[in-house]
Amino acid sequence: MPRSSACIAAFANYSMLVLIVAMTVIGVHELIGQLPPPPPTPAESAEARPAAAGTWTLVSGKLQARFPDRPLETGEVWSTRTGRVCGFVNRRRTNSDDMERFFTTPNLEAHFQDEDIYAFMPVWKACLDDRWVVLHEGVEDTGFCASAHARSSRIAQDILCVGWRPDGNWRRP
């Protein structure tokens, strides 16, 4: 084999190795970027709680004004480290009691899944990954049986929600 052919083969092998290493580094970097942020320390949560509670007061007032027929029913509600409020609320659409997911936009308006599913899901995933301050303890589930008001009805107690548990795992009666 002539010397120039050996040099070209060595250069090609070296280039392929560099390419494989570069692609591996890029892939690992992207995977690390997709990891959820670390949970807050108790001190960080305590420091962020007053601002998050003030934001939640505004958001809950807007939600109550949007659904004025009964007191607001919420499930789990939390704030992210960016100040976005996320959680579960009973929207009471078409005389049905269903807990639904929501998050707030920068102007503190609630955004629901059925308004734009494609825009909703990436933000909702980020909400789930970043629970900075828990603002309201409650059920973390959607649907009819997740609503305490719905479960209080006779048909729910006798038929629809028999065996429902707040952790989302149904048990057989």
Protein backbone atom coordinates (compact mmCIF):
# COMPACT_ATOMS: atom_id res chain seq x y z
CA MET A 1 0.00 0.00 0.00
CA PRO A 2 1.49 3.37 -0.95
CA ARG A 3 2.26 5.81 1.82
CA SER A 4 -0.38 8.35 0.70
CA SER A 5 -3.14 5.72 0.82
CA ALA A 6 -2.12 4.81 4.38
CA CYS A 7 -2.24 8.49 5.40
CA ILE A 8 -5.69 8.93 3.87
CA ALA A 9 -6.97 5.79 5.65
CA ALA A 10 -5.52 6.95 8.97
CA PHE A 11 -7.07 10.42 8.51
CA ALA A 12 -10.45 8.86 7.66
CA ASN A 13 -10.31 6.64 10.76
CA TYR A 14 -9.28 9.57 12.94
CA SER A 15 -12.07 11.75 11.49
CA MET A 16 -14.63 9.02 12.12
CA LEU A 17 -13.47 8.68 15.71
CA VAL A 18 -13.70 12.45 16.26
CA LEU A 19 -17.21 12.47 14.76
CA ILE A 20 -18.37 9.62 17.03
CA VAL A 21 -16.97 11.35 20.13
CA ALA A 22 -18.56 14.68 19.14
CA MET A 23 -21.96 13.08 18.52
CA THR A 24 -21.77 11.26 21.86
CA VAL A 25 -20.93 14.48 23.72
CA ILE A 26 -23.79 16.33 21.99
CA GLY A 27 -26.23 13.52 22.78
CA VAL A 28 -25.23 13.35 26.44
CA HIS A 29 -25.47 17.15 26.70
CA GLU A 30 -29.02 17.07 25.28
CA LEU A 31 -30.05 14.28 27.67
CA ILE A 32 -28.70 16.22 30.64
CA GLY A 33 -30.62 19.28 29.46
CA GLN A 34 -33.87 17.28 29.57
CA LEU A 35 -33.46 16.28 33.21
CA PRO A 36 -35.83 17.99 35.64
CA PRO A 37 -34.30 20.63 37.88
CA PRO A 38 -33.31 19.56 41.39
CA PRO A 39 -35.99 19.93 44.06
CA PRO A 40 -35.81 23.03 46.24
CA THR A 41 -34.18 22.97 49.64
CA PRO A 42 -36.43 23.85 52.58
CA ALA A 43 -34.72 27.25 52.80
CA GLU A 44 -35.38 27.96 49.10
CA SER A 45 -39.04 26.99 49.47
CA ALA A 46 -39.44 29.16 52.57
CA GLU A 47 -37.86 32.12 50.80
CA ALA A 48 -40.09 31.73 47.71
CA ARG A 49 -43.34 31.03 49.62
CA PRO A 50 -44.49 34.67 50.25
CA ALA A 51 -44.21 35.70 46.59
CA ALA A 52 -45.79 32.45 45.40
CA ALA A 53 -48.66 32.79 47.90
CA GLY A 54 -49.32 36.34 46.68
CA THR A 55 -49.41 35.15 43.08
CA TRP A 56 -51.75 32.29 44.04
CA THR A 57 -54.10 34.76 45.74
CA LEU A 58 -54.39 36.69 42.46
CA VAL A 59 -54.77 33.54 40.34
CA SER A 60 -57.37 31.96 42.64
CA GLY A 61 -59.36 35.21 42.57
CA LYS A 62 -59.34 35.17 38.76
CA LEU A 63 -60.35 31.50 38.72
CA GLN A 64 -63.21 32.17 41.15
CA ALA A 65 -64.39 35.04 38.94
CA ARG A 66 -64.24 32.74 35.91
CA PHE A 67 -66.31 30.03 37.68
CA PRO A 68 -68.55 32.05 40.03
CA ASP A 69 -71.42 29.62 40.68
CA ARG A 70 -69.73 27.80 43.65
CA PRO A 71 -66.67 28.19 45.83
CA LEU A 72 -63.49 27.32 43.95
CA GLU A 73 -62.49 23.67 44.26
CA THR A 74 -58.80 23.00 43.75
CA GLY A 75 -56.62 19.96 43.94
CA GLU A 76 -52.84 20.12 44.21
CA VAL A 77 -51.51 23.59 43.29
CA TRP A 78 -47.87 24.62 43.16
CA SER A 79 -45.57 27.31 41.88
CA THR A 80 -42.54 26.73 39.69
CA ARG A 81 -39.20 28.45 40.21
CA THR A 82 -40.13 30.87 37.40
CA GLY A 83 -43.32 31.90 39.25
CA ARG A 84 -45.79 30.02 37.06
CA VAL A 85 -48.73 28.57 39.02
CA CYS A 86 -49.77 25.04 38.03
CA GLY A 87 -52.34 22.65 39.38
CA PHE A 88 -55.78 21.11 39.24
CA VAL A 89 -59.11 22.92 39.42
CA ASN A 90 -62.78 22.01 39.00
CA ARG A 91 -63.91 23.93 35.89
CA ARG A 92 -67.56 22.85 36.18
CA ARG A 93 -68.14 22.85 32.44
CA THR A 94 -71.58 21.97 31.10
CA ASN A 95 -72.90 21.03 34.55
CA SER A 96 -70.18 18.43 34.94
CA ASP A 97 -67.72 18.42 37.80
CA ASP A 98 -64.30 17.53 36.45
CA MET A 99 -60.90 18.34 37.88
CA GLU A 100 -58.67 19.62 35.10
CA ARG A 101 -55.02 20.65 34.75
CA PHE A 102 -54.12 24.30 34.42
CA PHE A 103 -51.12 26.58 34.38
CA THR A 104 -50.85 30.34 34.35
CA THR A 105 -49.58 32.51 31.55
CA PRO A 106 -47.27 35.47 32.34
CA ASN A 107 -50.34 37.72 32.82
CA LEU A 108 -51.61 35.23 35.45
CA GLU A 109 -54.50 33.93 33.34
CA ALA A 110 -55.28 30.22 33.68
CA HIS A 111 -54.66 28.14 30.56
CA PHE A 112 -56.41 24.77 30.20
CA GLN A 113 -55.57 21.72 28.12
CA ASP A 114 -58.58 21.91 25.81
CA GLU A 115 -57.71 25.45 24.74
CA ASP A 116 -54.62 24.29 22.78
CA ILE A 117 -53.34 20.79 23.50
CA TYR A 118 -50.14 21.21 21.49
CA ALA A 119 -49.12 24.37 23.33
CA PHE A 120 -50.33 23.01 26.67
CA MET A 121 -48.44 19.72 26.99
CA PRO A 122 -44.81 20.97 26.87
CA VAL A 123 -45.58 23.63 29.47
CA TRP A 124 -47.48 21.11 31.62
CA LYS A 125 -44.51 18.73 31.51
CA ALA A 126 -42.28 21.57 32.70
CA CYS A 127 -44.79 22.27 35.48
CA LEU A 128 -44.68 18.66 36.64
CA ASP A 129 -40.89 18.69 36.65
CA ASP A 130 -40.57 21.90 38.70
CA ARG A 131 -42.61 21.90 41.91
CA TRP A 132 -40.89 24.75 43.70
CA VAL A 133 -43.52 25.77 46.30
CA VAL A 134 -46.65 23.75 47.10
CA LEU A 135 -49.49 26.27 47.51
CA HIS A 136 -52.42 23.93 48.12
CA GLU A 137 -52.42 20.27 49.06
CA GLY A 138 -55.00 18.20 47.26
CA VAL A 139 -55.78 15.54 44.74
CA GLU A 140 -53.49 15.24 41.77
CA ASP A 141 -55.86 13.62 39.35
CA THR A 142 -58.28 14.66 36.64
CA GLY A 143 -61.83 13.68 35.88
CA PHE A 144 -65.18 13.38 37.59
CA CYS A 145 -64.16 11.33 40.61
CA ALA A 146 -61.25 13.63 41.43
CA SER A 147 -63.72 16.39 42.30
CA ALA A 148 -64.96 16.28 45.91
CA HIS A 149 -68.16 18.00 44.82
CA ALA A 150 -68.80 15.34 42.18
CA ARG A 151 -68.02 12.49 44.59
CA SER A 152 -70.59 13.87 47.03
CA SER A 153 -73.43 13.09 44.62
CA ARG A 154 -75.45 9.94 45.19
CA ILE A 155 -74.77 8.51 41.72
CA ALA A 156 -71.01 8.94 42.23
CA GLN A 157 -71.08 7.27 45.65
CA ASP A 158 -73.20 4.34 44.47
CA ILE A 159 -72.01 3.78 40.90
CA LEU A 160 -69.43 6.02 39.22
CA CYS A 161 -66.73 6.51 41.86
CA VAL A 162 -66.95 3.30 43.85
CA GLY A 163 -63.38 2.27 44.61
CA TRP A 164 -61.79 5.60 43.63
CA ARG A 165 -58.82 6.74 45.73
CA PRO A 166 -57.03 10.12 45.66
CA ASP A 167 -53.78 8.50 44.55
CA GLY A 168 -55.47 7.50 41.28
CA ASN A 169 -55.38 3.76 42.02
CA TRP A 170 -58.83 2.26 41.96
CA ARG A 171 -59.60 -0.54 44.37
CA ARG A 172 -62.27 -3.15 43.89
CA PRO A 173 -65.28 -2.76 46.20
